C-alpha atoms as a PDB file:
ATOM      1  CA  MET A   1       0.000   0.000   0.000  1.00  0.00           C
ATOM      2  CA  PHE A   2       1.118   3.523  -0.665  1.00  0.00           C
ATOM      3  CA  ARG A   3       0.308   6.823   0.930  1.00  0.00           C
ATOM      4  CA  ASN A   4      -2.179   9.126  -0.656  1.00  0.00           C
ATOM      5  CA  CYS A   5       0.099  11.468  -2.620  1.00  0.00           C
ATOM      6  CA  HIS A   6      -0.702  14.215  -5.050  1.00  0.00           C
ATOM      7  CA  SER A   7       1.677  12.905  -7.655  1.00  0.00           C
ATOM      8  CA  THR A   8       1.256   9.473  -9.223  1.00  0.00           C
ATOM      9  CA  ASN A   9       4.859   8.362  -8.658  1.00  0.00           C
ATOM     10  CA  CYS A  10       4.805   8.549  -4.835  1.00  0.00           C
ATOM     11  CA  THR A  11       6.326   5.292  -3.570  1.00  0.00           C
ATOM     12  CA  ALA A  12       6.638   5.926   0.173  1.00  0.00           C
ATOM     13  CA  PRO A  13       5.304   2.821   1.956  1.00  0.00           C
ATOM     14  CA  ILE A  14       2.898   2.934   4.910  1.00  0.00           C
ATOM     15  CA  PRO A  15       4.556   1.880   8.190  1.00  0.00           C
ATOM     16  CA  LYS A  16       3.842  -1.663   9.417  1.00  0.00           C
ATOM     17  CA  GLN A  17       2.206  -0.496  12.652  1.00  0.00           C
ATOM     18  CA  ILE A  18      -0.438   1.459  10.760  1.00  0.00           C
ATOM     19  CA  LEU A  19      -1.077  -1.462   8.394  1.00  0.00           C
ATOM     20  CA  TYR A  20      -1.503  -3.812  11.362  1.00  0.00           C
ATOM     21  CA  ALA A  21      -3.930  -1.413  13.086  1.00  0.00           C
ATOM     22  CA  ILE A  22      -6.030  -1.157   9.905  1.00  0.00           C
ATOM     23  CA  LEU A  23      -6.048  -4.926   9.474  1.00  0.00           C
ATOM     24  CA  VAL A  24      -7.143  -5.520  13.080  1.00  0.00           C
ATOM     25  CA  LYS A  25      -9.914  -2.934  12.712  1.00  0.00           C
ATOM     26  CA  PHE A  26     -11.308  -4.595   9.560  1.00  0.00           C
ATOM     27  CA  GLU A  27     -11.126  -8.086  11.097  1.00  0.00           C
ATOM     28  CA  SER A  28     -13.089  -6.969  14.146  1.00  0.00           C
ATOM     29  CA  LEU A  29     -15.833  -5.473  11.960  1.00  0.00           C
ATOM     30  CA  GLY A  30     -16.624  -8.891  10.492  1.00  0.00           C
ATOM     31  CA  ASP A  31     -16.883 -10.621  13.876  1.00  0.00           C
ATOM     32  CA  SER A  32     -20.258  -9.771  15.381  1.00  0.00           C
ATOM     33  CA  LYS A  33     -19.386 -10.968  18.914  1.00  0.00           C
ATOM     34  CA  ASN A  34     -16.392  -8.648  19.217  1.00  0.00           C
ATOM     35  CA  ASN A  35     -18.347  -5.775  17.738  1.00  0.00           C
ATOM     36  CA  MET A  36     -21.220  -5.988  20.226  1.00  0.00           C
ATOM     37  CA  LYS A  37     -20.896  -4.330  23.582  1.00  0.00           C
ATOM     38  CA  GLY A  38     -21.901  -6.418  26.591  1.00  0.00           C
ATOM     39  CA  THR A  39     -22.686  -9.746  24.972  1.00  0.00           C
ATOM     40  CA  ASN A  40     -24.803 -11.991  27.154  1.00  0.00           C
ATOM     41  CA  ILE A  41     -22.179 -14.457  28.428  1.00  0.00           C
ATOM     42  CA  LYS A  42     -24.599 -15.946  30.968  1.00  0.00           C
ATOM     43  CA  LYS A  43     -27.082 -16.867  28.240  1.00  0.00           C
ATOM     44  CA  GLU A  44     -24.335 -18.342  26.040  1.00  0.00           C
ATOM     45  CA  LYS A  45     -23.113 -20.545  28.900  1.00  0.00           C
ATOM     46  CA  ARG A  46     -26.669 -21.767  29.544  1.00  0.00           C
ATOM     47  CA  GLU A  47     -27.081 -22.611  25.849  1.00  0.00           C
ATOM     48  CA  ARG A  48     -23.822 -24.612  25.926  1.00  0.00           C
ATOM     49  CA  ARG A  49     -24.977 -26.515  29.027  1.00  0.00           C
ATOM     50  CA  LYS A  50     -28.346 -27.132  27.375  1.00  0.00           C
ATOM     51  CA  LYS A  51     -26.728 -28.636  24.257  1.00  0.00           C
ATOM     52  CA  ARG A  52     -24.515 -30.856  26.395  1.00  0.00           C
ATOM     53  CA  ILE A  53     -27.476 -32.097  28.448  1.00  0.00           C
ATOM     54  CA  ARG A  54     -29.738 -32.644  25.428  1.00  0.00           C
ATOM     55  CA  SER A  55     -27.088 -34.794  23.752  1.00  0.00           C
ATOM     56  CA  ARG A  56     -27.522 -37.284  26.614  1.00  0.00           C
ATOM     57  CA  VAL A  57     -31.189 -36.884  27.605  1.00  0.00           C
ATOM     58  CA  PHE A  58     -33.887 -38.331  25.337  1.00  0.00           C
ATOM     59  CA  GLY A  59     -37.570 -38.942  26.037  1.00  0.00           C
ATOM     60  CA  THR A  60     -39.686 -41.779  24.658  1.00  0.00           C
ATOM     61  CA  ALA A  61     -43.406 -42.524  24.834  1.00  0.00           C
ATOM     62  CA  THR A  62     -42.934 -44.809  27.857  1.00  0.00           C
ATOM     63  CA  LYS A  63     -40.382 -42.568  29.598  1.00  0.00           C
ATOM     64  CA  PRO A  64     -40.808 -38.964  28.365  1.00  0.00           C
ATOM     65  CA  ARG A  65     -38.590 -35.983  29.103  1.00  0.00           C
ATOM     66  CA  LEU A  66     -39.600 -33.496  31.814  1.00  0.00           C
ATOM     67  CA  SER A  67     -38.241 -30.204  30.460  1.00  0.00           C
ATOM     68  CA  VAL A  68     -37.929 -27.095  32.648  1.00  0.00           C
ATOM     69  CA  PHE A  69     -37.687 -23.487  31.472  1.00  0.00           C
ATOM     70  CA  LYS A  70     -37.157 -20.648  33.912  1.00  0.00           C
ATOM     71  CA  SER A  71     -37.392 -16.916  33.333  1.00  0.00           C
ATOM     72  CA  ASN A  72     -37.035 -14.130  35.867  1.00  0.00           C
ATOM     73  CA  ARG A  73     -40.795 -14.073  36.542  1.00  0.00           C
ATOM     74  CA  TYR A  74     -42.150 -17.500  35.592  1.00  0.00           C
ATOM     75  CA  ILE A  75     -41.307 -21.164  35.334  1.00  0.00           C
ATOM     76  CA  SER A  76     -42.792 -23.636  32.876  1.00  0.00           C
ATOM     77  CA  VAL A  77     -42.564 -27.403  32.621  1.00  0.00           C
ATOM     78  CA  GLN A  78     -43.340 -29.721  29.720  1.00  0.00           C
ATOM     79  CA  VAL A  79     -43.479 -33.483  29.393  1.00  0.00           C
ATOM     80  CA  ILE A  80     -42.140 -34.260  25.916  1.00  0.00           C
ATOM     81  CA  ASP A  81     -42.004 -37.412  23.801  1.00  0.00           C
ATOM     82  CA  ASP A  82     -38.878 -36.860  21.681  1.00  0.00           C
ATOM     83  CA  ALA A  83     -39.389 -39.976  19.581  1.00  0.00           C
ATOM     84  CA  ASN A  84     -42.599 -38.508  18.103  1.00  0.00           C
ATOM     85  CA  SER A  85     -41.671 -34.836  18.695  1.00  0.00           C
ATOM     86  CA  LYS A  86     -44.826 -34.185  20.716  1.00  0.00           C
ATOM     87  CA  THR A  87     -45.532 -32.291  23.902  1.00  0.00           C
ATOM     88  CA  LEU A  88     -47.694 -34.539  26.021  1.00  0.00           C
ATOM     89  CA  LEU A  89     -48.332 -32.244  29.007  1.00  0.00           C
ATOM     90  CA  ALA A  90     -47.487 -28.727  30.136  1.00  0.00           C
ATOM     91  CA  SER A  91     -47.763 -26.636  33.269  1.00  0.00           C
ATOM     92  CA  HIS A  92     -46.923 -22.985  33.896  1.00  0.00           C
ATOM     93  CA  SER A  93     -46.537 -20.804  36.972  1.00  0.00           C
ATOM     94  CA  LYS A  94     -48.946 -18.225  35.481  1.00  0.00           C
ATOM     95  CA  ASP A  95     -51.764 -20.609  36.401  1.00  0.00           C
ATOM     96  CA  ILE A  96     -50.833 -20.401  40.102  1.00  0.00           C
ATOM     97  CA  LYS A  97     -51.955 -17.119  41.623  1.00  0.00           C
ATOM     98  CA  SER A  98     -50.311 -16.785  45.042  1.00  0.00           C
ATOM     99  CA  GLY A  99     -46.868 -17.313  46.477  1.00  0.00           C
ATOM    100  CA  THR A 100     -43.253 -16.612  45.671  1.00  0.00           C
ATOM    101  CA  LEU A 101     -41.526 -18.062  42.631  1.00  0.00           C
ATOM    102  CA  LEU A 102     -40.091 -20.897  44.743  1.00  0.00           C
ATOM    103  CA  GLU A 103     -43.534 -21.808  46.063  1.00  0.00           C
ATOM    104  CA  LYS A 104     -45.002 -21.593  42.561  1.00  0.00           C
ATOM    105  CA  SER A 105     -42.190 -23.823  41.256  1.00  0.00           C
ATOM    106  CA  LYS A 106     -43.023 -26.529  43.771  1.00  0.00           C
ATOM    107  CA  ALA A 107     -46.726 -26.230  42.890  1.00  0.00           C
ATOM    108  CA  VAL A 108     -45.911 -26.511  39.163  1.00  0.00           C
ATOM    109  CA  GLY A 109     -43.966 -29.706  39.890  1.00  0.00           C
ATOM    110  CA  VAL A 110     -46.870 -31.189  41.823  1.00  0.00           C
ATOM    111  CA  ASP A 111     -49.318 -30.101  39.093  1.00  0.00           C
ATOM    112  CA  ILE A 112     -47.322 -31.707  36.277  1.00  0.00           C
ATOM    113  CA  ALA A 113     -47.005 -34.894  38.332  1.00  0.00           C
ATOM    114  CA  LYS A 114     -50.803 -35.061  38.802  1.00  0.00           C
ATOM    115  CA  LYS A 115     -51.371 -34.519  35.075  1.00  0.00           C
ATOM    116  CA  ALA A 116     -48.760 -37.150  34.190  1.00  0.00           C
ATOM    117  CA  LEU A 117     -50.221 -39.735  36.556  1.00  0.00           C
ATOM    118  CA  ALA A 118     -53.673 -39.089  35.062  1.00  0.00           C
ATOM    119  CA  LYS A 119     -52.204 -40.020  31.652  1.00  0.00           C
ATOM    120  CA  LYS A 120     -50.515 -43.080  33.186  1.00  0.00           C
ATOM    121  CA  ILE A 121     -46.980 -41.665  32.997  1.00  0.00           C
ATOM    122  CA  SER A 122     -45.072 -42.490  36.170  1.00  0.00           C
ATOM    123  CA  GLU A 123     -41.442 -42.348  34.990  1.00  0.00           C
ATOM    124  CA  VAL A 124     -39.741 -39.398  33.295  1.00  0.00           C
ATOM    125  CA  VAL A 125     -36.245 -38.216  32.412  1.00  0.00           C
ATOM    126  CA  PHE A 126     -35.486 -34.866  34.045  1.00  0.00           C
ATOM    127  CA  ASP A 127     -34.082 -32.145  31.752  1.00  0.00           C
ATOM    128  CA  ARG A 128     -33.036 -29.035  33.644  1.00  0.00           C
ATOM    129  CA  GLY A 129     -32.626 -27.135  30.359  1.00  0.00           C
ATOM    130  CA  GLY A 130     -29.155 -25.793  31.052  1.00  0.00           C
ATOM    131  CA  PHE A 131     -30.206 -24.170  34.303  1.00  0.00           C
ATOM    132  CA  LYS A 132     -28.274 -24.985  37.441  1.00  0.00           C
ATOM    133  CA  TYR A 133     -29.956 -27.493  39.751  1.00  0.00           C
ATOM    134  CA  VAL A 134     -30.700 -25.031  42.557  1.00  0.00           C
ATOM    135  CA  GLY A 135     -33.628 -22.887  43.603  1.00  0.00           C
ATOM    136  CA  CYS A 136     -36.661 -23.050  41.327  1.00  0.00           C
ATOM    137  CA  VAL A 137     -35.392 -25.938  39.193  1.00  0.00           C
ATOM    138  CA  LYS A 138     -34.741 -28.027  42.304  1.00  0.00           C
ATOM    139  CA  GLU A 139     -38.190 -27.140  43.678  1.00  0.00           C
ATOM    140  CA  VAL A 140     -39.851 -28.295  40.437  1.00  0.00           C
ATOM    141  CA  ALA A 141     -37.994 -31.612  40.701  1.00  0.00           C
ATOM    142  CA  ASP A 142     -38.912 -32.010  44.373  1.00  0.00           C
ATOM    143  CA  GLY A 143     -42.551 -31.149  43.658  1.00  0.00           C
ATOM    144  CA  ALA A 144     -42.726 -33.663  40.799  1.00  0.00           C
ATOM    145  CA  ARG A 145     -41.186 -36.362  43.023  1.00  0.00           C
ATOM    146  CA  SER A 146     -43.601 -35.597  45.858  1.00  0.00           C
ATOM    147  CA  GLY A 147     -46.457 -35.711  43.334  1.00  0.00           C
ATOM    148  CA  GLY A 148     -45.539 -39.276  42.387  1.00  0.00           C
ATOM    149  CA  LEU A 149     -43.140 -39.081  39.418  1.00  0.00           C
ATOM    150  CA  THR A 150     -39.900 -41.045  39.497  1.00  0.00           C
ATOM    151  CA  PHE A 151     -36.658 -39.968  37.863  1.00  0.00           C
END
């Protein structure tokens, strides 16, 4: 590369440090993760955990998968048959009116267990969905166990 000169026969090269700085700037423009400020590392880690768990956990018609999703305000649970790609049952904390999120989580676990037992499903595979097994996720599992599900 050559400097912008007024005459056409200017042959003074651009210093290497400037070339390197330009190259680094153009490389970072193409990478969307480096270009974004404050990427959501927590969400990315949860997605990685979720992929790792889902590679091992699989639900069938006789032993479906109990999948948990947690947001800041709500928690939802589904019983899924992965072999047929069908959701058999679902329960959500929006249906429960009173209590803290932990109390609602336990109630959701008990509710999904009652629904599952009504459909003659007694065994499930627990899928925590990439969330750590503490707090609300643990309460859902405890509620489902106390409701009669085994996993």
